[in-house]
Amino acid sequence: MKTVNIYYFAVLRECAGKSHETRQTAARTFLDLYEEIRTLYRFPLEATRVRVALGDSYGEMDQEIVDGAEVTFIPPVAGG
């Protein structure tokens, strides 16, 4: 099991009911982690519509998770 710090924005924050959490997971990749929490919180967005950031840079959903990772799932945003 790995410990990850997850941050949520916009619709993901609304569905999760929180802006961040520390979670134990057996997920291998960030895609696996997203699918795990998508099921838990009933996120409306498929993984193909979400970006992942690791610390202060974008990552790839198929990257392997390392213990202690700081991950942000970012939904598409609109605005002007």
C-alpha atoms as a PDB file:
ATOM      1  CA  MET A   1       0.000   0.000   0.000  1.00  0.00           C
ATOM      2  CA  LYS A   2       1.099   3.530  -0.778  1.00  0.00           C
ATOM      3  CA  THR A   3       0.103   6.779   0.848  1.00  0.00           C
ATOM      4  CA  VAL A   4      -0.896   9.572  -1.549  1.00  0.00           C
ATOM      5  CA  ASN A   5      -2.051  13.129  -0.993  1.00  0.00           C
ATOM      6  CA  ILE A   6      -4.868  13.896  -3.429  1.00  0.00           C
ATOM      7  CA  TYR A   7      -6.187  17.351  -4.307  1.00  0.00           C
ATOM      8  CA  TYR A   8      -9.519  17.959  -6.051  1.00  0.00           C
ATOM      9  CA  PHE A   9     -10.842  20.957  -7.996  1.00  0.00           C
ATOM     10  CA  ALA A  10     -14.191  22.099  -9.404  1.00  0.00           C
ATOM     11  CA  VAL A  11     -16.700  19.288 -10.016  1.00  0.00           C
ATOM     12  CA  LEU A  12     -14.367  16.689  -8.497  1.00  0.00           C
ATOM     13  CA  ARG A  13     -14.173  18.697  -5.265  1.00  0.00           C
ATOM     14  CA  GLU A  14     -17.957  18.999  -5.218  1.00  0.00           C
ATOM     15  CA  CYS A  15     -18.471  15.246  -5.701  1.00  0.00           C
ATOM     16  CA  ALA A  16     -15.808  14.278  -3.146  1.00  0.00           C
ATOM     17  CA  GLY A  17     -17.093  16.845  -0.657  1.00  0.00           C
ATOM     18  CA  LYS A  18     -13.529  17.937   0.102  1.00  0.00           C
ATOM     19  CA  SER A  19     -10.622  19.686  -1.539  1.00  0.00           C
ATOM     20  CA  HIS A  20      -7.960  17.190  -0.486  1.00  0.00           C
ATOM     21  CA  GLU A  21      -7.327  13.965   1.363  1.00  0.00           C
ATOM     22  CA  THR A  22      -4.559  11.584   2.301  1.00  0.00           C
ATOM     23  CA  ARG A  23      -5.372   8.082   1.151  1.00  0.00           C
ATOM     24  CA  GLN A  24      -3.903   4.593   1.309  1.00  0.00           C
ATOM     25  CA  THR A  25      -4.082   2.803  -2.036  1.00  0.00           C
ATOM     26  CA  ALA A  26      -2.928  -0.339  -3.776  1.00  0.00           C
ATOM     27  CA  ALA A  27      -3.364   1.376  -7.169  1.00  0.00           C
ATOM     28  CA  ARG A  28      -0.363   0.951  -9.454  1.00  0.00           C
ATOM     29  CA  THR A  29      -0.887   3.971 -11.713  1.00  0.00           C
ATOM     30  CA  PHE A  30      -2.640   7.317 -11.455  1.00  0.00           C
ATOM     31  CA  LEU A  31      -5.264   5.964 -13.850  1.00  0.00           C
ATOM     32  CA  ASP A  32      -5.925   3.095 -11.430  1.00  0.00           C
ATOM     33  CA  LEU A  33      -6.143   5.590  -8.568  1.00  0.00           C
ATOM     34  CA  TYR A  34      -8.536   7.852 -10.470  1.00  0.00           C
ATOM     35  CA  GLU A  35     -10.804   4.910 -11.284  1.00  0.00           C
ATOM     36  CA  GLU A  36     -10.725   3.863  -7.616  1.00  0.00           C
ATOM     37  CA  ILE A  37     -11.835   7.267  -6.364  1.00  0.00           C
ATOM     38  CA  ARG A  38     -14.158   7.832  -9.331  1.00  0.00           C
ATOM     39  CA  THR A  39     -16.155   4.823  -8.191  1.00  0.00           C
ATOM     40  CA  LEU A  40     -16.013   5.880  -4.539  1.00  0.00           C
ATOM     41  CA  TYR A  41     -17.169   9.473  -5.120  1.00  0.00           C
ATOM     42  CA  ARG A  42     -19.189   8.869  -8.298  1.00  0.00           C
ATOM     43  CA  PHE A  43     -17.199  11.336 -10.361  1.00  0.00           C
ATOM     44  CA  PRO A  44     -19.050  12.108 -13.617  1.00  0.00           C
ATOM     45  CA  LEU A  45     -15.883  12.482 -15.708  1.00  0.00           C
ATOM     46  CA  GLU A  46     -14.100   9.619 -17.394  1.00  0.00           C
ATOM     47  CA  ALA A  47     -10.336   9.486 -16.940  1.00  0.00           C
ATOM     48  CA  THR A  48      -9.768  10.639 -20.534  1.00  0.00           C
ATOM     49  CA  ARG A  49     -11.279  14.032 -19.596  1.00  0.00           C
ATOM     50  CA  VAL A  50      -9.091  14.595 -16.529  1.00  0.00           C
ATOM     51  CA  ARG A  51      -5.461  15.752 -16.278  1.00  0.00           C
ATOM     52  CA  VAL A  52      -3.112  14.720 -13.528  1.00  0.00           C
ATOM     53  CA  ALA A  53      -0.512  16.948 -11.914  1.00  0.00           C
ATOM     54  CA  LEU A  54       2.286  15.621  -9.745  1.00  0.00           C
ATOM     55  CA  GLY A  55       3.551  18.289  -7.433  1.00  0.00           C
ATOM     56  CA  ASP A  56       3.854  21.365  -9.636  1.00  0.00           C
ATOM     57  CA  SER A  57       4.035  19.727 -13.081  1.00  0.00           C
ATOM     58  CA  TYR A  58       1.699  17.733 -15.284  1.00  0.00           C
ATOM     59  CA  GLY A  59       2.082  13.982 -15.373  1.00  0.00           C
ATOM     60  CA  GLU A  60       0.637  11.080 -17.291  1.00  0.00           C
ATOM     61  CA  MET A  61      -2.195   8.894 -16.061  1.00  0.00           C
ATOM     62  CA  ASP A  62      -0.181   5.744 -16.833  1.00  0.00           C
ATOM     63  CA  GLN A  63       2.726   6.770 -14.560  1.00  0.00           C
ATOM     64  CA  GLU A  64       3.386   4.532 -11.576  1.00  0.00           C
ATOM     65  CA  ILE A  65       2.518   5.919  -8.180  1.00  0.00           C
ATOM     66  CA  VAL A  66       5.308   6.363  -5.667  1.00  0.00           C
ATOM     67  CA  ASP A  67       4.691   6.403  -1.945  1.00  0.00           C
ATOM     68  CA  GLY A  68       4.061   9.920  -0.669  1.00  0.00           C
ATOM     69  CA  ALA A  69       2.994  11.289  -4.073  1.00  0.00           C
ATOM     70  CA  GLU A  70       1.187  14.639  -4.216  1.00  0.00           C
ATOM     71  CA  VAL A  71      -1.406  14.302  -6.970  1.00  0.00           C
ATOM     72  CA  THR A  72      -4.010  16.690  -8.293  1.00  0.00           C
ATOM     73  CA  PHE A  73      -6.793  15.556 -10.585  1.00  0.00           C
ATOM     74  CA  ILE A  74      -7.831  18.479 -12.781  1.00  0.00           C
ATOM     75  CA  PRO A  75     -11.126  18.468 -14.664  1.00  0.00           C
ATOM     76  CA  PRO A  76     -11.668  20.568 -17.783  1.00  0.00           C
ATOM     77  CA  VAL A  77     -12.431  24.173 -16.897  1.00  0.00           C
ATOM     78  CA  ALA A  78     -14.386  26.859 -18.685  1.00  0.00           C
ATOM     79  CA  GLY A  79     -14.443  30.551 -18.168  1.00  0.00           C
ATOM     80  CA  GLY A  80     -13.677  33.841 -19.672  1.00  0.00           C
END
